[in-house]
Amino acid sequence: MTPPTDRYVTYKNIDCEGNSKQLMKMLRRHIDDPEKSNAFWEKFKEKLALVGKPAENNGRCLDELFLIHTYINNLYEIFEEYEDDEALALLDRIERECC
């Protein structure tokens, strides 16, 4: 069995950015569906649209990993609600390796 990655020592060989972007794609499958979205997720989409655009966000540069870390419980909730096991597994991995 491979020992767990110690994220406090190194992020070497961990694709936190790529995994975070992939998770956001998985999330969009749900929140872009009007039947699954709500006011919270609509506001979240506004924040997601500001990723990498500090000029449009009062100089504050957001990235996907920051949004995952900030809203991790909401993400677990939506993926559990829609039984998205693939997204749950990736979210768990991101939490263990990157947050």
PDB file of N, CA and C in Angstrom:
ATOM      1  N   MET A   1       0.845  -1.181   0.000  1.00  0.00           N
ATOM      2  CA  MET A   1       0.000   0.000   0.000  1.00  0.00           C
ATOM      3  C   MET A   1       0.891   1.245   0.000  1.00  0.00           C
ATOM      4  N   THR A   2       0.589   2.179  -0.858  1.00  0.00           N
ATOM      5  CA  THR A   2       1.342   3.419  -0.952  1.00  0.00           C
ATOM      6  C   THR A   2       0.969   4.329   0.211  1.00  0.00           C
ATOM      7  N   PRO A   3       1.957   4.904   0.890  1.00  0.00           N
ATOM      8  CA  PRO A   3       1.628   5.821   1.987  1.00  0.00           C
ATOM      9  C   PRO A   3       0.930   7.064   1.446  1.00  0.00           C
ATOM     10  N   PRO A   4       0.048   7.652   2.241  1.00  0.00           N
ATOM     11  CA  PRO A   4      -0.649   8.858   1.771  1.00  0.00           C
ATOM     12  C   PRO A   4       0.337   9.999   1.531  1.00  0.00           C
ATOM     13  N   THR A   5      -0.011  10.856   0.576  1.00  0.00           N
ATOM     14  CA  THR A   5       0.812  12.019   0.266  1.00  0.00           C
ATOM     15  C   THR A   5       0.748  13.002   1.421  1.00  0.00           C
ATOM     16  N   ASP A   6       1.889  13.479   1.861  1.00  0.00           N
ATOM     17  CA  ASP A   6       1.928  14.499   2.908  1.00  0.00           C
ATOM     18  C   ASP A   6       1.895  15.855   2.233  1.00  0.00           C
ATOM     19  N   ARG A   7       0.712  16.431   2.131  1.00  0.00           N
ATOM     20  CA  ARG A   7       0.548  17.677   1.383  1.00  0.00           C
ATOM     21  C   ARG A   7       1.247  18.855   2.040  1.00  0.00           C
ATOM     22  N   TYR A   8       1.612  18.738   3.295  1.00  0.00           N
ATOM     23  CA  TYR A   8       2.286  19.850   3.955  1.00  0.00           C
ATOM     24  C   TYR A   8       3.781  19.880   3.660  1.00  0.00           C
ATOM     25  N   VAL A   9       4.306  18.802   3.105  1.00  0.00           N
ATOM     26  CA  VAL A   9       5.718  18.739   2.772  1.00  0.00           C
ATOM     27  C   VAL A   9       5.941  19.167   1.326  1.00  0.00           C
ATOM     28  N   THR A  10       5.098  18.695   0.422  1.00  0.00           N
ATOM     29  CA  THR A  10       5.315  18.993  -0.989  1.00  0.00           C
ATOM     30  C   THR A  10       4.038  18.803  -1.806  1.00  0.00           C
ATOM     31  N   TYR A  11       3.933  19.600  -2.832  1.00  0.00           N
ATOM     32  CA  TYR A  11       2.879  19.404  -3.824  1.00  0.00           C
ATOM     33  C   TYR A  11       3.466  18.815  -5.095  1.00  0.00           C
ATOM     34  N   LYS A  12       4.736  18.451  -5.057  1.00  0.00           N
ATOM     35  CA  LYS A  12       5.414  17.903  -6.225  1.00  0.00           C
ATOM     36  C   LYS A  12       4.645  16.682  -6.735  1.00  0.00           C
ATOM     37  N   ASN A  13       4.424  16.674  -8.028  1.00  0.00           N
ATOM     38  CA  ASN A  13       3.727  15.576  -8.709  1.00  0.00           C
ATOM     39  C   ASN A  13       2.252  15.463  -8.346  1.00  0.00           C
ATOM     40  N   ILE A  14       1.689  16.485  -7.752  1.00  0.00           N
ATOM     41  CA  ILE A  14       0.248  16.522  -7.477  1.00  0.00           C
ATOM     42  C   ILE A  14      -0.339  17.620  -8.348  1.00  0.00           C
ATOM     43  N   ASP A  15      -1.280  17.265  -9.193  1.00  0.00           N
ATOM     44  CA  ASP A  15      -1.872  18.229 -10.124  1.00  0.00           C
ATOM     45  C   ASP A  15      -3.102  18.884  -9.495  1.00  0.00           C
ATOM     46  N   CYS A  16      -2.867  19.697  -8.479  1.00  0.00           N
ATOM     47  CA  CYS A  16      -3.979  20.357  -7.787  1.00  0.00           C
ATOM     48  C   CYS A  16      -4.769  21.251  -8.747  1.00  0.00           C
ATOM     49  N   GLU A  17      -4.059  21.985  -9.577  1.00  0.00           N
ATOM     50  CA  GLU A  17      -4.733  22.888 -10.507  1.00  0.00           C
ATOM     51  C   GLU A  17      -5.576  22.109 -11.520  1.00  0.00           C
ATOM     52  N   GLY A  18      -4.980  21.100 -12.125  1.00  0.00           N
ATOM     53  CA  GLY A  18      -5.712  20.302 -13.113  1.00  0.00           C
ATOM     54  C   GLY A  18      -6.899  19.570 -12.509  1.00  0.00           C
ATOM     55  N   ASN A  19      -6.705  18.996 -11.335  1.00  0.00           N
ATOM     56  CA  ASN A  19      -7.806  18.295 -10.666  1.00  0.00           C
ATOM     57  C   ASN A  19      -8.921  19.258 -10.285  1.00  0.00           C
ATOM     58  N   SER A  20      -8.548  20.463  -9.861  1.00  0.00           N
ATOM     59  CA  SER A  20      -9.556  21.461  -9.487  1.00  0.00           C
ATOM     60  C   SER A  20     -10.372  21.890 -10.700  1.00  0.00           C
ATOM     61  N   LYS A  21      -9.700  22.092 -11.816  1.00  0.00           N
ATOM     62  CA  LYS A  21     -10.408  22.451 -13.049  1.00  0.00           C
ATOM     63  C   LYS A  21     -11.343  21.321 -13.480  1.00  0.00           C
ATOM     64  N   GLN A  22     -10.874  20.080 -13.371  1.00  0.00           N
ATOM     65  CA  GLN A  22     -11.710  18.932 -13.725  1.00  0.00           C
ATOM     66  C   GLN A  22     -12.938  18.858 -12.827  1.00  0.00           C
ATOM     67  N   LEU A  23     -12.766  19.106 -11.533  1.00  0.00           N
ATOM     68  CA  LEU A  23     -13.900  19.066 -10.616  1.00  0.00           C
ATOM     69  C   LEU A  23     -14.933  20.131 -10.970  1.00  0.00           C
ATOM     70  N   MET A  24     -14.466  21.304 -11.376  1.00  0.00           N
ATOM     71  CA  MET A  24     -15.403  22.367 -11.752  1.00  0.00           C
ATOM     72  C   MET A  24     -16.200  21.969 -12.996  1.00  0.00           C
ATOM     73  N   LYS A  25     -15.585  21.256 -13.919  1.00  0.00           N
ATOM     74  CA  LYS A  25     -16.318  20.748 -15.087  1.00  0.00           C
ATOM     75  C   LYS A  25     -17.399  19.771 -14.633  1.00  0.00           C
ATOM     76  N   MET A  26     -17.047  18.929 -13.682  1.00  0.00           N
ATOM     77  CA  MET A  26     -18.016  17.956 -13.162  1.00  0.00           C
ATOM     78  C   MET A  26     -19.160  18.677 -12.449  1.00  0.00           C
ATOM     79  N   LEU A  27     -18.823  19.713 -11.714  1.00  0.00           N
ATOM     80  CA  LEU A  27     -19.847  20.496 -11.023  1.00  0.00           C
ATOM     81  C   LEU A  27     -20.784  21.170 -12.015  1.00  0.00           C
ATOM     82  N   ARG A  28     -20.213  21.706 -13.084  1.00  0.00           N
ATOM     83  CA  ARG A  28     -21.034  22.420 -14.066  1.00  0.00           C
ATOM     84  C   ARG A  28     -22.093  21.518 -14.685  1.00  0.00           C
ATOM     85  N   ARG A  29     -21.825  20.218 -14.769  1.00  0.00           N
ATOM     86  CA  ARG A  29     -22.845  19.290 -15.290  1.00  0.00           C
ATOM     87  C   ARG A  29     -24.121  19.371 -14.454  1.00  0.00           C
ATOM     88  N   HIS A  30     -23.975  19.691 -13.191  1.00  0.00           N
ATOM     89  CA  HIS A  30     -25.134  19.784 -12.310  1.00  0.00           C
ATOM     90  C   HIS A  30     -25.692  21.203 -12.260  1.00  0.00           C
ATOM     91  N   ILE A  31     -24.841  22.168 -11.983  1.00  0.00           N
ATOM     92  CA  ILE A  31     -25.359  23.515 -11.736  1.00  0.00           C
ATOM     93  C   ILE A  31     -25.764  24.253 -13.011  1.00  0.00           C
ATOM     94  N   ASP A  32     -25.365  23.754 -14.168  1.00  0.00           N
ATOM     95  CA  ASP A  32     -25.840  24.352 -15.416  1.00  0.00           C
ATOM     96  C   ASP A  32     -27.207  23.807 -15.816  1.00  0.00           C
ATOM     97  N   ASP A  33     -27.679  22.815 -15.110  1.00  0.00           N
ATOM     98  CA  ASP A  33     -29.011  22.256 -15.326  1.00  0.00           C
ATOM     99  C   ASP A  33     -29.984  23.043 -14.454  1.00  0.00           C
ATOM    100  N   PRO A  34     -30.899  23.792 -15.073  1.00  0.00           N
ATOM    101  CA  PRO A  34     -31.841  24.609 -14.270  1.00  0.00           C
ATOM    102  C   PRO A  34     -32.624  23.800 -13.239  1.00  0.00           C
ATOM    103  N   GLU A  35     -32.828  22.515 -13.483  1.00  0.00           N
ATOM    104  CA  GLU A  35     -33.546  21.670 -12.531  1.00  0.00           C
ATOM    105  C   GLU A  35     -32.728  21.406 -11.268  1.00  0.00           C
ATOM    106  N   LYS A  36     -31.401  21.557 -11.353  1.00  0.00           N
ATOM    107  CA  LYS A  36     -30.528  21.247 -10.226  1.00  0.00           C
ATOM    108  C   LYS A  36     -29.939  22.491  -9.567  1.00  0.00           C
ATOM    109  N   SER A  37     -30.029  23.610 -10.234  1.00  0.00           N
ATOM    110  CA  SER A  37     -29.403  24.822  -9.711  1.00  0.00           C
ATOM    111  C   SER A  37     -30.340  25.538  -8.740  1.00  0.00           C
ATOM    112  N   ASN A  38     -29.774  26.512  -8.049  1.00  0.00           N
ATOM    113  CA  ASN A  38     -30.552  27.366  -7.153  1.00  0.00           C
ATOM    114  C   ASN A  38     -29.808  28.689  -7.015  1.00  0.00           C
ATOM    115  N   ALA A  39     -30.288  29.580  -6.180  1.00  0.00           N
ATOM    116  CA  ALA A  39     -29.666  30.902  -6.049  1.00  0.00           C
ATOM    117  C   ALA A  39     -28.204  30.803  -5.603  1.00  0.00           C
ATOM    118  N   PHE A  40     -27.903  29.868  -4.707  1.00  0.00           N
ATOM    119  CA  PHE A  40     -26.530  29.702  -4.254  1.00  0.00           C
ATOM    120  C   PHE A  40     -25.613  29.351  -5.425  1.00  0.00           C
ATOM    121  N   TRP A  41     -26.008  28.343  -6.219  1.00  0.00           N
ATOM    122  CA  TRP A  41     -25.152  27.906  -7.323  1.00  0.00           C
ATOM    123  C   TRP A  41     -25.074  28.948  -8.429  1.00  0.00           C
ATOM    124  N   GLU A  42     -26.121  29.733  -8.598  1.00  0.00           N
ATOM    125  CA  GLU A  42     -26.051  30.818  -9.585  1.00  0.00           C
ATOM    126  C   GLU A  42     -25.015  31.852  -9.146  1.00  0.00           C
ATOM    127  N   LYS A  43     -24.972  32.157  -7.859  1.00  0.00           N
ATOM    128  CA  LYS A  43     -23.961  33.080  -7.330  1.00  0.00           C
ATOM    129  C   LYS A  43     -22.562  32.454  -7.438  1.00  0.00           C
ATOM    130  N   PHE A  44     -22.474  31.159  -7.187  1.00  0.00           N
ATOM    131  CA  PHE A  44     -21.204  30.456  -7.311  1.00  0.00           C
ATOM    132  C   PHE A  44     -20.681  30.557  -8.747  1.00  0.00           C
ATOM    133  N   LYS A  45     -21.582  30.430  -9.719  1.00  0.00           N
ATOM    134  CA  LYS A  45     -21.171  30.542 -11.123  1.00  0.00           C
ATOM    135  C   LYS A  45     -20.590  31.924 -11.411  1.00  0.00           C
ATOM    136  N   GLU A  46     -21.122  32.950 -10.763  1.00  0.00           N
ATOM    137  CA  GLU A  46     -20.565  34.294 -10.932  1.00  0.00           C
ATOM    138  C   GLU A  46     -19.124  34.337 -10.409  1.00  0.00           C
ATOM    139  N   LYS A  47     -18.893  33.721  -9.276  1.00  0.00           N
ATOM    140  CA  LYS A  47     -17.527  33.665  -8.724  1.00  0.00           C
ATOM    141  C   LYS A  47     -16.616  32.858  -9.647  1.00  0.00           C
ATOM    142  N   LEU A  48     -17.116  31.754 -10.152  1.00  0.00           N
ATOM    143  CA  LEU A  48     -16.338  30.911 -11.052  1.00  0.00           C
ATOM    144  C   LEU A  48     -15.950  31.677 -12.322  1.00  0.00           C
ATOM    145  N   ALA A  49     -16.826  32.535 -12.774  1.00  0.00           N
ATOM    146  CA  ALA A  49     -16.535  33.337 -13.972  1.00  0.00           C
ATOM    147  C   ALA A  49     -15.402  34.340 -13.724  1.00  0.00           C
ATOM    148  N   LEU A  50     -15.100  34.626 -12.468  1.00  0.00           N
ATOM    149  CA  LEU A  50     -14.037  35.573 -12.122  1.00  0.00           C
ATOM    150  C   LEU A  50     -12.669  34.910 -11.959  1.00  0.00           C
ATOM    151  N   VAL A  51     -12.612  33.593 -12.083  1.00  0.00           N
ATOM    152  CA  VAL A  51     -11.345  32.878 -11.937  1.00  0.00           C
ATOM    153  C   VAL A  51     -10.344  33.408 -12.961  1.00  0.00           C
ATOM    154  N   GLY A  52      -9.177  33.796 -12.447  1.00  0.00           N
ATOM    155  CA  GLY A  52      -8.111  34.288 -13.318  1.00  0.00           C
ATOM    156  C   GLY A  52      -8.335  35.674 -13.882  1.00  0.00           C
ATOM    157  N   LYS A  53      -9.274  36.414 -13.311  1.00  0.00           N
ATOM    158  CA  LYS A  53      -9.592  37.757 -13.798  1.00  0.00           C
ATOM    159  C   LYS A  53      -9.549  38.777 -12.665  1.00  0.00           C
ATOM    160  N   PRO A  54      -8.385  39.034 -12.102  1.00  0.00           N
ATOM    161  CA  PRO A  54      -8.313  39.962 -10.966  1.00  0.00           C
ATOM    162  C   PRO A  54      -8.780  41.373 -11.318  1.00  0.00           C
ATOM    163  N   ALA A  55      -8.620  41.786 -12.553  1.00  0.00           N
ATOM    164  CA  ALA A  55      -9.053  43.127 -12.951  1.00  0.00           C
ATOM    165  C   ALA A  55     -10.569  43.289 -12.822  1.00  0.00           C
ATOM    166  N   GLU A  56     -11.293  42.193 -12.929  1.00  0.00           N
ATOM    167  CA  GLU A  56     -12.752  42.230 -12.806  1.00  0.00           C
ATOM    168  C   GLU A  56     -13.228  41.933 -11.387  1.00  0.00           C
ATOM    169  N   ASN A  57     -12.277  41.705 -10.475  1.00  0.00           N
ATOM    170  CA  ASN A  57     -12.614  41.296  -9.114  1.00  0.00           C
ATOM    171  C   ASN A  57     -11.856  42.133  -8.087  1.00  0.00           C
ATOM    172  N   ASN A  58     -11.772  43.426  -8.326  1.00  0.00           N
ATOM    173  CA  ASN A  58     -11.107  44.361  -7.411  1.00  0.00           C
ATOM    174  C   ASN A  58      -9.678  43.925  -7.071  1.00  0.00           C
ATOM    175  N   GLY A  59      -8.976  43.369  -8.053  1.00  0.00           N
ATOM    176  CA  GLY A  59      -7.598  42.967  -7.862  1.00  0.00           C
ATOM    177  C   GLY A  59      -7.408  41.619  -7.198  1.00  0.00           C
ATOM    178  N   ARG A  60      -8.479  40.984  -6.799  1.00  0.00           N
ATOM    179  CA  ARG A  60      -8.403  39.683  -6.125  1.00  0.00           C
ATOM    180  C   ARG A  60      -8.428  38.561  -7.163  1.00  0.00           C
ATOM    181  N   CYS A  61      -7.419  37.721  -7.135  1.00  0.00           N
ATOM    182  CA  CYS A  61      -7.321  36.636  -8.106  1.00  0.00           C
ATOM    183  C   CYS A  61      -7.842  35.342  -7.494  1.00  0.00           C
ATOM    184  N   LEU A  62      -8.960  34.877  -7.995  1.00  0.00           N
ATOM    185  CA  LEU A  62      -9.544  33.609  -7.554  1.00  0.00           C
ATOM    186  C   LEU A  62      -9.044  32.485  -8.444  1.00  0.00           C
ATOM    187  N   ASP A  63      -8.996  31.284  -7.893  1.00  0.00           N
ATOM    188  CA  ASP A  63      -8.772  30.102  -8.711  1.00  0.00           C
ATOM    189  C   ASP A  63      -9.712  29.003  -8.238  1.00  0.00           C
ATOM    190  N   GLU A  64      -9.787  27.942  -9.019  1.00  0.00           N
ATOM    191  CA  GLU A  64     -10.721  26.862  -8.708  1.00  0.00           C
ATOM    192  C   GLU A  64     -10.433  26.228  -7.352  1.00  0.00           C
ATOM    193  N   LEU A  65      -9.165  26.051  -7.028  1.00  0.00           N
ATOM    194  CA  LEU A  65      -8.811  25.418  -5.756  1.00  0.00           C
ATOM    195  C   LEU A  65      -9.287  26.263  -4.574  1.00  0.00           C
ATOM    196  N   PHE A  66      -9.165  27.566  -4.673  1.00  0.00           N
ATOM    197  CA  PHE A  66      -9.656  28.445  -3.612  1.00  0.00           C
ATOM    198  C   PHE A  66     -11.165  28.253  -3.432  1.00  0.00           C
ATOM    199  N   LEU A  67     -11.900  28.203  -4.545  1.00  0.00           N
ATOM    200  CA  LEU A  67     -13.351  28.032  -4.454  1.00  0.00           C
ATOM    201  C   LEU A  67     -13.709  26.665  -3.872  1.00  0.00           C
ATOM    202  N   ILE A  68     -12.957  25.642  -4.237  1.00  0.00           N
ATOM    203  CA  ILE A  68     -13.205  24.311  -3.673  1.00  0.00           C
ATOM    204  C   ILE A  68     -12.976  24.332  -2.166  1.00  0.00           C
ATOM    205  N   HIS A  69     -11.862  24.896  -1.773  1.00  0.00           N
ATOM    206  CA  HIS A  69     -11.544  24.951  -0.342  1.00  0.00           C
ATOM    207  C   HIS A  69     -12.616  25.735   0.422  1.00  0.00           C
ATOM    208  N   THR A  70     -13.045  26.844  -0.145  1.00  0.00           N
ATOM    209  CA  THR A  70     -14.020  27.706   0.525  1.00  0.00           C
ATOM    210  C   THR A  70     -15.407  27.065   0.615  1.00  0.00           C
ATOM    211  N   TYR A  71     -15.797  26.351  -0.414  1.00  0.00           N
ATOM    212  CA  TYR A  71     -17.156  25.810  -0.494  1.00  0.00           C
ATOM    213  C   TYR A  71     -17.181  24.282  -0.473  1.00  0.00           C
ATOM    214  N   ILE A  72     -16.200  23.674   0.176  1.00  0.00           N
ATOM    215  CA  ILE A  72     -16.059  22.219   0.126  1.00  0.00           C
ATOM    216  C   ILE A  72     -17.299  21.486   0.645  1.00  0.00           C
ATOM    217  N   ASN A  73     -17.914  21.975   1.691  1.00  0.00           N
ATOM    218  CA  ASN A  73     -19.103  21.296   2.216  1.00  0.00           C
ATOM    219  C   ASN A  73     -20.265  21.369   1.244  1.00  0.00           C
ATOM    220  N   ASN A  74     -20.430  22.507   0.582  1.00  0.00           N
ATOM    221  CA  ASN A  74     -21.485  22.640  -0.421  1.00  0.00           C
ATOM    222  C   ASN A  74     -21.237  21.698  -1.596  1.00  0.00           C
ATOM    223  N   LEU A  75     -19.975  21.545  -1.960  1.00  0.00           N
ATOM    224  CA  LEU A  75     -19.628  20.639  -3.063  1.00  0.00           C
ATOM    225  C   LEU A  75     -19.920  19.192  -2.688  1.00  0.00           C
ATOM    226  N   TYR A  76     -19.522  18.791  -1.495  1.00  0.00           N
ATOM    227  CA  TYR A  76     -19.857  17.430  -1.058  1.00  0.00           C
ATOM    228  C   TYR A  76     -21.368  17.221  -1.095  1.00  0.00           C
ATOM    229  N   GLU A  77     -22.104  18.216  -0.644  1.00  0.00           N
ATOM    230  CA  GLU A  77     -23.562  18.091  -0.572  1.00  0.00           C
ATOM    231  C   GLU A  77     -24.192  17.877  -1.946  1.00  0.00           C
ATOM    232  N   ILE A  78     -23.797  18.676  -2.922  1.00  0.00           N
ATOM    233  CA  ILE A  78     -24.429  18.543  -4.250  1.00  0.00           C
ATOM    234  C   ILE A  78     -24.038  17.232  -4.913  1.00  0.00           C
ATOM    235  N   PHE A  79     -22.774  16.837  -4.780  1.00  0.00           N
ATOM    236  CA  PHE A  79     -22.355  15.577  -5.399  1.00  0.00           C
ATOM    237  C   PHE A  79     -23.011  14.384  -4.714  1.00  0.00           C
ATOM    238  N   GLU A  80     -23.206  14.460  -3.403  1.00  0.00           N
ATOM    239  CA  GLU A  80     -23.923  13.389  -2.699  1.00  0.00           C
ATOM    240  C   GLU A  80     -25.385  13.366  -3.117  1.00  0.00           C
ATOM    241  N   GLU A  81     -25.995  14.544  -3.212  1.00  0.00           N
ATOM    242  CA  GLU A  81     -27.413  14.628  -3.584  1.00  0.00           C
ATOM    243  C   GLU A  81     -27.672  13.968  -4.938  1.00  0.00           C
ATOM    244  N   TYR A  82     -26.776  14.189  -5.889  1.00  0.00           N
ATOM    245  CA  TYR A  82     -26.960  13.645  -7.230  1.00  0.00           C
ATOM    246  C   TYR A  82     -26.153  12.367  -7.455  1.00  0.00           C
ATOM    247  N   GLU A  83     -25.669  11.781  -6.363  1.00  0.00           N
ATOM    248  CA  GLU A  83     -24.974  10.498  -6.389  1.00  0.00           C
ATOM    249  C   GLU A  83     -23.876  10.453  -7.450  1.00  0.00           C
ATOM    250  N   ASP A  84     -23.101  11.523  -7.493  1.00  0.00           N
ATOM    251  CA  ASP A  84     -22.002  11.640  -8.449  1.00  0.00           C
ATOM    252  C   ASP A  84     -20.733  11.096  -7.778  1.00  0.00           C
ATOM    253  N   ASP A  85     -20.588   9.782  -7.818  1.00  0.00           N
ATOM    254  CA  ASP A  85     -19.476   9.127  -7.128  1.00  0.00           C
ATOM    255  C   ASP A  85     -18.124   9.515  -7.701  1.00  0.00           C
ATOM    256  N   GLU A  86     -18.045   9.719  -9.001  1.00  0.00           N
ATOM    257  CA  GLU A  86     -16.788  10.121  -9.626  1.00  0.00           C
ATOM    258  C   GLU A  86     -16.342  11.485  -9.099  1.00  0.00           C
ATOM    259  N   ALA A  87     -17.275  12.432  -9.039  1.00  0.00           N
ATOM    260  CA  ALA A  87     -16.956  13.771  -8.523  1.00  0.00           C
ATOM    261  C   ALA A  87     -16.627  13.711  -7.032  1.00  0.00           C
ATOM    262  N   LEU A  88     -17.346  12.890  -6.280  1.00  0.00           N
ATOM    263  CA  LEU A  88     -17.053  12.750  -4.849  1.00  0.00           C
ATOM    264  C   LEU A  88     -15.648  12.210  -4.624  1.00  0.00           C
ATOM    265  N   ALA A  89     -15.250  11.248  -5.434  1.00  0.00           N
ATOM    266  CA  ALA A  89     -13.907  10.678  -5.293  1.00  0.00           C
ATOM    267  C   ALA A  89     -12.839  11.721  -5.610  1.00  0.00           C
ATOM    268  N   LEU A  90     -13.071  12.509  -6.658  1.00  0.00           N
ATOM    269  CA  LEU A  90     -12.100  13.543  -7.008  1.00  0.00           C
ATOM    270  C   LEU A  90     -12.070  14.631  -5.943  1.00  0.00           C
ATOM    271  N   LEU A  91     -13.222  15.012  -5.428  1.00  0.00           N
ATOM    272  CA  LEU A  91     -13.269  16.019  -4.371  1.00  0.00           C
ATOM    273  C   LEU A  91     -12.521  15.537  -3.132  1.00  0.00           C
ATOM    274  N   ASP A  92     -12.719  14.292  -2.773  1.00  0.00           N
ATOM    275  CA  ASP A  92     -12.005  13.727  -1.631  1.00  0.00           C
ATOM    276  C   ASP A  92     -10.496  13.750  -1.876  1.00  0.00           C
ATOM    277  N   ARG A  93     -10.102  13.401  -3.070  1.00  0.00           N
ATOM    278  CA  ARG A  93      -8.670  13.418  -3.405  1.00  0.00           C
ATOM    279  C   ARG A  93      -8.101  14.830  -3.304  1.00  0.00           C
ATOM    280  N   ILE A  94      -8.831  15.802  -3.848  1.00  0.00           N
ATOM    281  CA  ILE A  94      -8.379  17.200  -3.780  1.00  0.00           C
ATOM    282  C   ILE A  94      -8.287  17.652  -2.334  1.00  0.00           C
ATOM    283  N   GLU A  95      -9.264  17.292  -1.523  1.00  0.00           N
ATOM    284  CA  GLU A  95      -9.238  17.673  -0.119  1.00  0.00           C
ATOM    285  C   GLU A  95      -8.013  17.084   0.588  1.00  0.00           C
ATOM    286  N   ARG A  96      -7.719  15.823   0.338  1.00  0.00           N
ATOM    287  CA  ARG A  96      -6.577  15.169   0.988  1.00  0.00           C
ATOM    288  C   ARG A  96      -5.244  15.700   0.478  1.00  0.00           C
ATOM    289  N   GLU A  97      -5.148  15.949  -0.816  1.00  0.00           N
ATOM    290  CA  GLU A  97      -3.864  16.297  -1.405  1.00  0.00           C
ATOM    291  C   GLU A  97      -3.575  17.791  -1.502  1.00  0.00           C
ATOM    292  N   CYS A  98      -4.623  18.595  -1.554  1.00  0.00           N
ATOM    293  CA  CYS A  98      -4.399  20.007  -1.923  1.00  0.00           C
ATOM    294  C   CYS A  98      -4.960  21.047  -0.970  1.00  0.00           C
ATOM    295  N   CYS A  99      -5.935  20.684  -0.166  1.00  0.00           N
ATOM    296  CA  CYS A  99      -6.544  21.706   0.702  1.00  0.00           C
ATOM    297  C   CYS A  99      -5.903  21.751   2.073  1.00  0.00           C
TER     298      CYS A  99
END
